[in-house]
Each structure stands twice: as structure tokens, then as C-alpha cells.
Amino acid sequence: MSEVELIDIFADNLRYTMKDVRISQAELAKEAGLSESTISRYLSKERLPTVKALINLCVVLNCDVEDLIPVYDLIS
């Protein structure tokens, strides 16, 4: 899997999980200690989160890392 594919999958999984738990970008940003523009960049497939941000997102969304980031393939 390429890094671009990983970013796409992460963004789609984040969007789906946010919808599932009914949380807005603003709420997620505030609770995860991130800026709204950072959440927007994730959702627009511009960047991946740091490990710290990923863990904070998972805590707020009550999900596992594997729910947001695929771990079934190497990244090329």
C-alpha cells in the first residue's frame, strides 16, 4: 500500500467513525486537543496524524487504532 492510499483510507475511516459516533469536526478537535484545521486536513486527505494525535482521536472516538489506520499491509 502506498502512503497516498493510507491517507485516503484513514480519511474515509475517520469520516465514517465521526458520523457513527455523531461528533462534529469542532467537537472532535476540542476533545482531542487538536485544531479544527488539523481535523479538516485529515478529512481532506492532506495529512496523517502523529502517533499522539492518532491515540487522542481513538480515545475521543472510542475506537481502536485499527479502526482508523489499516495494519494489514506494508507501506511503500
N, C-alpha and C. Protein backbone atom coordinates (compact mmCIF):
# COMPACT_ATOMS: atom_id res chain seq x y z
N MET A 1 0.85 -1.17 0.00
CA MET A 1 0.00 0.00 0.00
C MET A 1 0.90 1.23 0.00
N SER A 2 0.53 2.22 -0.77
CA SER A 2 1.29 3.46 -0.81
C SER A 2 0.84 4.40 0.31
N GLU A 3 1.65 5.40 0.59
CA GLU A 3 1.29 6.37 1.62
C GLU A 3 0.03 7.14 1.22
N VAL A 4 -0.13 7.41 -0.06
CA VAL A 4 -1.33 8.10 -0.55
C VAL A 4 -2.57 7.25 -0.28
N GLU A 5 -2.48 5.95 -0.53
CA GLU A 5 -3.60 5.05 -0.25
C GLU A 5 -3.91 5.02 1.25
N LEU A 6 -2.87 5.02 2.07
CA LEU A 6 -3.06 5.04 3.52
C LEU A 6 -3.78 6.30 3.97
N ILE A 7 -3.38 7.43 3.43
CA ILE A 7 -4.04 8.70 3.77
C ILE A 7 -5.52 8.66 3.37
N ASP A 8 -5.80 8.14 2.19
CA ASP A 8 -7.19 8.02 1.72
C ASP A 8 -8.02 7.14 2.66
N ILE A 9 -7.47 5.99 3.01
CA ILE A 9 -8.19 5.07 3.89
C ILE A 9 -8.42 5.70 5.25
N PHE A 10 -7.38 6.33 5.80
CA PHE A 10 -7.51 6.98 7.10
C PHE A 10 -8.62 8.04 7.08
N ALA A 11 -8.61 8.89 6.07
CA ALA A 11 -9.61 9.96 5.98
C ALA A 11 -11.02 9.40 5.90
N ASP A 12 -11.19 8.38 5.07
CA ASP A 12 -12.52 7.77 4.94
C ASP A 12 -12.96 7.11 6.24
N ASN A 13 -12.03 6.41 6.90
CA ASN A 13 -12.37 5.76 8.18
C ASN A 13 -12.68 6.78 9.26
N LEU A 14 -11.93 7.88 9.29
CA LEU A 14 -12.19 8.93 10.27
C LEU A 14 -13.57 9.53 10.05
N ARG A 15 -13.89 9.84 8.80
CA ARG A 15 -15.19 10.43 8.47
C ARG A 15 -16.33 9.49 8.88
N TYR A 16 -16.19 8.20 8.56
CA TYR A 16 -17.21 7.21 8.90
C TYR A 16 -17.36 7.10 10.42
N THR A 17 -16.26 7.04 11.14
CA THR A 17 -16.31 6.90 12.60
C THR A 17 -16.91 8.14 13.24
N MET A 18 -16.56 9.31 12.75
CA MET A 18 -17.16 10.55 13.27
C MET A 18 -18.67 10.53 13.07
N LYS A 19 -19.10 10.11 11.89
CA LYS A 19 -20.54 10.04 11.60
C LYS A 19 -21.21 9.03 12.52
N ASP A 20 -20.55 7.89 12.72
CA ASP A 20 -21.11 6.83 13.56
C ASP A 20 -21.32 7.27 15.01
N VAL A 21 -20.36 8.04 15.54
CA VAL A 21 -20.49 8.50 16.93
C VAL A 21 -21.13 9.88 17.03
N ARG A 22 -21.48 10.42 15.87
CA ARG A 22 -22.19 11.71 15.81
C ARG A 22 -21.41 12.84 16.50
N ILE A 23 -20.20 13.06 16.01
CA ILE A 23 -19.36 14.14 16.53
C ILE A 23 -18.93 15.04 15.38
N SER A 24 -18.94 16.32 15.62
CA SER A 24 -18.55 17.28 14.58
C SER A 24 -17.03 17.46 14.58
N GLN A 25 -16.54 18.09 13.53
CA GLN A 25 -15.12 18.39 13.45
C GLN A 25 -14.69 19.26 14.62
N ALA A 26 -15.50 20.26 14.94
CA ALA A 26 -15.16 21.18 16.03
C ALA A 26 -15.11 20.45 17.37
N GLU A 27 -16.09 19.60 17.62
CA GLU A 27 -16.11 18.85 18.88
C GLU A 27 -14.92 17.90 18.97
N LEU A 28 -14.64 17.20 17.88
CA LEU A 28 -13.53 16.27 17.86
C LEU A 28 -12.22 17.00 18.10
N ALA A 29 -12.03 18.11 17.44
CA ALA A 29 -10.81 18.89 17.61
C ALA A 29 -10.64 19.32 19.06
N LYS A 30 -11.69 19.86 19.65
CA LYS A 30 -11.61 20.33 21.03
C LYS A 30 -11.29 19.20 21.99
N GLU A 31 -12.01 18.09 21.87
CA GLU A 31 -11.83 16.98 22.81
C GLU A 31 -10.49 16.27 22.62
N ALA A 32 -9.98 16.25 21.40
CA ALA A 32 -8.71 15.56 21.12
C ALA A 32 -7.50 16.48 21.29
N GLY A 33 -7.74 17.75 21.58
CA GLY A 33 -6.64 18.69 21.75
C GLY A 33 -5.96 19.07 20.45
N LEU A 34 -6.74 19.10 19.38
CA LEU A 34 -6.23 19.45 18.06
C LEU A 34 -6.97 20.67 17.53
N SER A 35 -6.44 21.29 16.50
CA SER A 35 -7.13 22.43 15.90
C SER A 35 -8.17 21.91 14.89
N GLU A 36 -9.16 22.73 14.64
CA GLU A 36 -10.16 22.37 13.64
C GLU A 36 -9.52 22.24 12.26
N SER A 37 -8.52 23.06 11.99
CA SER A 37 -7.85 22.98 10.68
C SER A 37 -7.10 21.66 10.53
N THR A 38 -6.58 21.12 11.61
CA THR A 38 -5.91 19.83 11.56
C THR A 38 -6.90 18.73 11.21
N ILE A 39 -8.06 18.72 11.86
CA ILE A 39 -9.10 17.74 11.55
C ILE A 39 -9.52 17.88 10.09
N SER A 40 -9.66 19.12 9.64
CA SER A 40 -10.03 19.38 8.25
C SER A 40 -8.99 18.81 7.29
N ARG A 41 -7.71 18.96 7.61
CA ARG A 41 -6.65 18.41 6.76
C ARG A 41 -6.70 16.90 6.71
N TYR A 42 -7.02 16.27 7.85
CA TYR A 42 -7.17 14.81 7.85
C TYR A 42 -8.30 14.39 6.93
N LEU A 43 -9.44 15.06 7.06
CA LEU A 43 -10.63 14.68 6.29
C LEU A 43 -10.51 15.01 4.80
N SER A 44 -9.69 16.00 4.47
CA SER A 44 -9.49 16.35 3.06
C SER A 44 -8.31 15.59 2.44
N LYS A 45 -7.82 14.61 3.18
CA LYS A 45 -6.77 13.70 2.69
C LYS A 45 -5.46 14.41 2.39
N GLU A 46 -5.14 15.38 3.24
CA GLU A 46 -3.89 16.14 3.08
C GLU A 46 -2.77 15.64 3.98
N ARG A 47 -3.12 14.99 5.10
CA ARG A 47 -2.07 14.55 6.02
C ARG A 47 -2.54 13.43 6.93
N LEU A 48 -1.57 12.75 7.52
CA LEU A 48 -1.83 11.73 8.53
C LEU A 48 -1.56 12.31 9.91
N PRO A 49 -2.19 11.77 10.93
CA PRO A 49 -1.95 12.27 12.28
C PRO A 49 -0.62 11.76 12.84
N THR A 50 -0.09 12.47 13.81
CA THR A 50 1.04 11.97 14.57
C THR A 50 0.53 10.82 15.43
N VAL A 51 1.43 10.08 16.03
CA VAL A 51 1.02 8.98 16.91
C VAL A 51 0.20 9.54 18.08
N LYS A 52 0.65 10.64 18.65
CA LYS A 52 -0.07 11.27 19.76
C LYS A 52 -1.49 11.65 19.33
N ALA A 53 -1.61 12.30 18.18
CA ALA A 53 -2.92 12.72 17.69
C ALA A 53 -3.81 11.51 17.39
N LEU A 54 -3.22 10.46 16.81
CA LEU A 54 -3.98 9.25 16.50
C LEU A 54 -4.55 8.62 17.77
N ILE A 55 -3.74 8.52 18.80
CA ILE A 55 -4.21 7.96 20.06
C ILE A 55 -5.31 8.82 20.67
N ASN A 56 -5.12 10.13 20.64
CA ASN A 56 -6.15 11.03 21.18
C ASN A 56 -7.46 10.91 20.40
N LEU A 57 -7.36 10.79 19.09
CA LEU A 57 -8.57 10.61 18.27
C LEU A 57 -9.28 9.33 18.66
N CYS A 58 -8.52 8.26 18.83
CA CYS A 58 -9.12 6.97 19.19
C CYS A 58 -9.80 7.02 20.55
N VAL A 59 -9.19 7.71 21.51
CA VAL A 59 -9.80 7.84 22.84
C VAL A 59 -11.12 8.59 22.73
N VAL A 60 -11.10 9.71 22.04
CA VAL A 60 -12.32 10.53 21.91
C VAL A 60 -13.40 9.78 21.14
N LEU A 61 -13.01 9.07 20.08
CA LEU A 61 -13.98 8.35 19.25
C LEU A 61 -14.33 6.97 19.80
N ASN A 62 -13.66 6.58 20.88
CA ASN A 62 -13.88 5.27 21.50
C ASN A 62 -13.72 4.14 20.47
N CYS A 63 -12.58 4.19 19.78
CA CYS A 63 -12.31 3.17 18.76
C CYS A 63 -10.86 2.70 18.89
N ASP A 64 -10.54 1.64 18.18
CA ASP A 64 -9.17 1.12 18.15
C ASP A 64 -8.41 1.78 17.00
N VAL A 65 -7.09 1.78 17.13
CA VAL A 65 -6.24 2.34 16.07
C VAL A 65 -6.56 1.66 14.74
N GLU A 66 -6.80 0.35 14.78
CA GLU A 66 -7.09 -0.40 13.56
C GLU A 66 -8.39 0.04 12.88
N ASP A 67 -9.26 0.71 13.63
CA ASP A 67 -10.49 1.23 13.03
C ASP A 67 -10.20 2.43 12.13
N LEU A 68 -9.08 3.11 12.38
CA LEU A 68 -8.74 4.30 11.59
C LEU A 68 -7.59 4.06 10.62
N ILE A 69 -6.61 3.27 11.04
CA ILE A 69 -5.42 3.02 10.23
C ILE A 69 -5.33 1.54 9.91
N PRO A 70 -5.27 1.18 8.64
CA PRO A 70 -5.13 -0.25 8.31
C PRO A 70 -3.74 -0.76 8.69
N VAL A 71 -3.71 -1.95 9.25
CA VAL A 71 -2.43 -2.52 9.67
C VAL A 71 -2.19 -3.88 9.00
N TYR A 72 -2.80 -4.09 7.86
CA TYR A 72 -2.72 -5.40 7.19
C TYR A 72 -1.69 -5.45 6.07
N ASP A 73 -0.98 -4.36 5.80
CA ASP A 73 -0.06 -4.33 4.69
C ASP A 73 1.09 -3.38 4.98
N LEU A 74 2.23 -3.63 4.36
CA LEU A 74 3.36 -2.72 4.47
C LEU A 74 3.07 -1.45 3.68
N ILE A 75 3.69 -0.36 4.10
CA ILE A 75 3.54 0.91 3.40
C ILE A 75 4.80 1.12 2.56
N SER A 76 4.59 1.35 1.28
CA SER A 76 5.73 1.52 0.38
C SER A 76 5.99 2.98 0.09
